[in-house]
N, C-alpha and C. Protein backbone atom coordinates (compact mmCIF):
# COMPACT_ATOMS: atom_id res chain seq x y z
N MET A 1 84.94 88.09 108.29
CA MET A 1 85.04 86.82 107.62
C MET A 1 86.34 86.15 108.05
N PRO A 2 86.32 84.99 108.65
CA PRO A 2 87.54 84.35 109.11
C PRO A 2 88.36 83.84 107.94
N SER A 3 89.69 83.96 108.07
CA SER A 3 90.55 83.47 107.00
C SER A 3 90.86 82.00 107.24
N THR A 4 91.16 81.31 106.17
CA THR A 4 91.51 79.90 106.26
C THR A 4 93.00 79.76 105.99
N PRO A 5 93.60 78.66 106.42
CA PRO A 5 95.03 78.49 106.19
C PRO A 5 95.40 78.53 104.70
N ASP A 6 94.47 78.15 103.82
CA ASP A 6 94.76 78.15 102.39
C ASP A 6 94.55 79.51 101.73
N ALA A 7 94.07 80.51 102.46
CA ALA A 7 93.72 81.79 101.85
C ALA A 7 94.88 82.42 101.08
N PRO A 8 96.11 82.51 101.61
CA PRO A 8 97.20 83.10 100.82
C PRO A 8 97.50 82.31 99.55
N ALA A 9 97.49 80.99 99.63
CA ALA A 9 97.74 80.16 98.45
C ALA A 9 96.63 80.36 97.42
N ASP A 10 95.37 80.41 97.88
CA ASP A 10 94.25 80.63 96.97
C ASP A 10 94.37 81.98 96.28
N LEU A 11 94.78 83.00 97.03
CA LEU A 11 94.96 84.32 96.44
C LEU A 11 96.02 84.26 95.34
N LEU A 12 97.15 83.63 95.62
CA LEU A 12 98.22 83.56 94.63
C LEU A 12 97.76 82.83 93.37
N ARG A 13 96.99 81.77 93.54
CA ARG A 13 96.48 81.02 92.38
C ARG A 13 95.53 81.87 91.55
N SER A 14 94.83 82.81 92.19
CA SER A 14 93.81 83.60 91.48
C SER A 14 94.37 84.84 90.79
N LEU A 15 95.57 85.27 91.14
CA LEU A 15 96.11 86.50 90.57
C LEU A 15 96.61 86.27 89.15
N PRO A 16 96.46 87.26 88.27
CA PRO A 16 97.00 87.12 86.92
C PRO A 16 98.52 87.15 86.94
N LEU A 17 99.13 86.38 86.05
CA LEU A 17 100.59 86.41 85.93
C LEU A 17 101.01 87.83 85.58
N GLY A 18 102.15 88.25 86.13
CA GLY A 18 102.63 89.61 85.93
C GLY A 18 102.29 90.53 87.08
N THR A 19 101.40 90.10 87.98
CA THR A 19 101.06 90.90 89.15
C THR A 19 102.27 90.98 90.08
N ARG A 20 102.54 92.17 90.60
CA ARG A 20 103.63 92.32 91.57
C ARG A 20 103.09 91.88 92.94
N VAL A 21 103.82 90.99 93.60
CA VAL A 21 103.37 90.40 94.86
C VAL A 21 104.50 90.38 95.88
N VAL A 22 104.10 90.23 97.13
CA VAL A 22 105.03 89.87 98.18
C VAL A 22 104.49 88.58 98.79
N VAL A 23 105.38 87.59 98.94
CA VAL A 23 105.01 86.28 99.45
C VAL A 23 105.90 85.95 100.64
N ARG A 24 105.30 85.72 101.79
CA ARG A 24 106.06 85.31 102.99
C ARG A 24 105.88 83.80 103.15
N SER A 25 107.01 83.12 103.32
CA SER A 25 106.96 81.67 103.45
C SER A 25 107.88 81.19 104.56
N ARG A 26 107.58 79.98 105.04
CA ARG A 26 108.41 79.36 106.07
C ARG A 26 109.67 78.80 105.44
N VAL A 27 110.79 79.01 106.13
CA VAL A 27 112.07 78.39 105.77
C VAL A 27 112.67 77.86 107.06
N PRO A 28 113.64 76.96 106.98
CA PRO A 28 114.26 76.49 108.22
C PRO A 28 114.77 77.66 109.06
N GLY A 29 114.34 77.74 110.28
CA GLY A 29 114.77 78.79 111.19
C GLY A 29 113.93 80.06 111.16
N GLY A 30 112.88 80.11 110.35
CA GLY A 30 112.06 81.33 110.36
C GLY A 30 111.24 81.51 109.11
N PHE A 31 111.27 82.74 108.58
CA PHE A 31 110.46 83.11 107.43
C PHE A 31 111.32 83.90 106.46
N THR A 32 110.87 83.96 105.21
CA THR A 32 111.52 84.79 104.20
C THR A 32 110.45 85.39 103.30
N ASP A 33 110.79 86.49 102.66
CA ASP A 33 109.87 87.17 101.75
C ASP A 33 110.42 87.15 100.33
N ALA A 34 109.52 87.01 99.37
CA ALA A 34 109.86 87.17 97.96
C ALA A 34 109.00 88.31 97.43
N LEU A 35 109.64 89.34 96.90
CA LEU A 35 108.96 90.51 96.37
C LEU A 35 109.30 90.64 94.90
N GLY A 36 108.28 90.60 94.06
CA GLY A 36 108.53 90.73 92.62
C GLY A 36 107.30 90.36 91.83
N ASP A 37 107.53 90.03 90.55
CA ASP A 37 106.44 89.72 89.63
C ASP A 37 106.11 88.24 89.65
N LEU A 38 104.83 87.93 89.74
CA LEU A 38 104.36 86.55 89.69
C LEU A 38 104.48 86.08 88.25
N VAL A 39 105.35 85.08 88.01
CA VAL A 39 105.59 84.64 86.64
C VAL A 39 105.05 83.25 86.36
N ALA A 40 104.73 82.47 87.40
CA ALA A 40 104.14 81.15 87.20
C ALA A 40 103.42 80.74 88.47
N ALA A 41 102.36 79.94 88.29
CA ALA A 41 101.62 79.40 89.42
C ALA A 41 101.00 78.08 88.99
N ASP A 42 101.15 77.06 89.83
CA ASP A 42 100.50 75.79 89.56
C ASP A 42 99.91 75.27 90.86
N GLY A 43 99.54 74.03 90.92
CA GLY A 43 98.92 73.49 92.11
C GLY A 43 99.82 73.40 93.32
N ASP A 44 101.14 73.40 93.11
CA ASP A 44 102.08 73.17 94.20
C ASP A 44 102.98 74.35 94.55
N ALA A 45 103.21 75.27 93.60
CA ALA A 45 104.20 76.33 93.83
C ALA A 45 103.87 77.55 92.98
N VAL A 46 104.49 78.67 93.37
CA VAL A 46 104.47 79.88 92.56
C VAL A 46 105.92 80.28 92.30
N THR A 47 106.12 80.99 91.21
CA THR A 47 107.44 81.51 90.88
C THR A 47 107.34 83.02 90.83
N VAL A 48 108.25 83.68 91.56
CA VAL A 48 108.29 85.13 91.65
C VAL A 48 109.64 85.59 91.11
N ARG A 49 109.62 86.50 90.11
CA ARG A 49 110.86 87.07 89.59
C ARG A 49 111.20 88.29 90.45
N THR A 50 112.27 88.19 91.22
CA THR A 50 112.68 89.26 92.13
C THR A 50 113.87 90.00 91.52
N ARG A 51 114.30 91.07 92.15
CA ARG A 51 115.48 91.79 91.67
C ARG A 51 116.72 90.91 91.74
N GLY A 52 116.75 89.97 92.67
CA GLY A 52 117.92 89.11 92.84
C GLY A 52 117.87 87.81 92.07
N GLY A 53 116.79 87.54 91.36
CA GLY A 53 116.67 86.28 90.62
C GLY A 53 115.26 85.75 90.70
N THR A 54 115.14 84.45 90.56
CA THR A 54 113.83 83.80 90.56
C THR A 54 113.65 83.00 91.83
N ALA A 55 112.50 83.17 92.48
CA ALA A 55 112.18 82.42 93.70
C ALA A 55 111.00 81.50 93.42
N VAL A 56 111.20 80.22 93.67
CA VAL A 56 110.11 79.25 93.57
C VAL A 56 109.67 78.95 94.99
N VAL A 57 108.39 79.21 95.29
CA VAL A 57 107.87 79.07 96.65
C VAL A 57 106.78 78.01 96.65
N ARG A 58 106.97 76.98 97.47
CA ARG A 58 105.93 75.95 97.62
C ARG A 58 104.72 76.57 98.31
N LEU A 59 103.54 76.33 97.75
CA LEU A 59 102.33 76.91 98.33
C LEU A 59 102.08 76.40 99.75
N GLY A 60 102.52 75.20 100.08
CA GLY A 60 102.36 74.68 101.43
C GLY A 60 103.18 75.43 102.47
N ASP A 61 104.20 76.19 102.01
CA ASP A 61 105.04 76.97 102.92
C ASP A 61 104.60 78.41 103.06
N VAL A 62 103.65 78.86 102.22
CA VAL A 62 103.21 80.25 102.22
C VAL A 62 102.37 80.53 103.46
N VAL A 63 102.73 81.60 104.18
CA VAL A 63 101.94 82.00 105.36
C VAL A 63 101.21 83.32 105.12
N ALA A 64 101.65 84.11 104.14
CA ALA A 64 100.99 85.37 103.81
C ALA A 64 101.37 85.76 102.39
N ALA A 65 100.46 86.45 101.73
CA ALA A 65 100.73 86.93 100.38
C ALA A 65 99.76 88.05 100.05
N LYS A 66 100.23 89.00 99.24
CA LYS A 66 99.33 90.06 98.78
C LYS A 66 99.93 90.73 97.55
N PRO A 67 99.05 91.27 96.72
CA PRO A 67 99.55 92.09 95.61
C PRO A 67 100.05 93.42 96.15
N VAL A 68 101.05 93.98 95.50
CA VAL A 68 101.62 95.26 95.93
C VAL A 68 101.72 96.18 94.72
N PRO A 69 101.80 97.50 94.96
CA PRO A 69 101.90 98.44 93.83
C PRO A 69 103.21 98.24 93.06
N PRO A 70 103.26 98.75 91.83
CA PRO A 70 104.51 98.66 91.06
C PRO A 70 105.65 99.34 91.80
N ALA A 71 106.86 98.88 91.51
CA ALA A 71 108.05 99.49 92.12
C ALA A 71 108.16 100.94 91.68
N PRO A 72 108.65 101.81 92.56
CA PRO A 72 108.83 103.21 92.15
C PRO A 72 109.91 103.29 91.07
N GLU A 73 109.80 104.31 90.25
CA GLU A 73 110.81 104.54 89.22
C GLU A 73 112.15 104.76 89.88
N ARG A 74 113.18 104.18 89.31
CA ARG A 74 114.54 104.42 89.83
C ARG A 74 115.01 105.76 89.31
N ARG A 75 115.56 106.54 90.22
CA ARG A 75 116.03 107.86 89.83
C ARG A 75 117.47 107.75 89.35
N GLY A 76 117.80 108.59 88.39
CA GLY A 76 119.18 108.63 87.90
C GLY A 76 120.10 109.29 88.91
N ARG A 77 121.37 109.15 88.69
CA ARG A 77 122.34 109.78 89.58
C ARG A 77 122.32 111.28 89.36
N ARG A 78 122.52 111.99 90.44
CA ARG A 78 122.62 113.44 90.34
C ARG A 78 123.99 113.81 89.77
N PRO A 79 124.02 114.81 88.92
CA PRO A 79 125.34 115.26 88.43
C PRO A 79 126.13 115.87 89.59
N GLN A 80 127.41 115.60 89.61
CA GLN A 80 128.25 116.16 90.67
C GLN A 80 128.51 117.62 90.41
N GLU A 81 128.44 118.39 91.49
CA GLU A 81 128.72 119.82 91.36
C GLU A 81 130.21 120.04 91.59
N GLY A 82 130.71 121.04 90.91
CA GLY A 82 132.07 121.33 91.26
C GLY A 82 132.84 121.85 90.20
């Protein structure tokens, strides 16, 4: 089945809020990725809450997107021996 240019944007619009996603979009000079929880989606943009803050991505700039598994549990620090 051939993909259409709108396929990544359509996927993002169809996902339930709270889904963990990675979104690749065009920026001046190349591309960037936003990895985190989908917190908002409308006709023009999606908002992804990342570890570094909130990323608002225009759907017209999206070149790829997909849901991803939850982040692995963060492990605590090992006690120092000695």
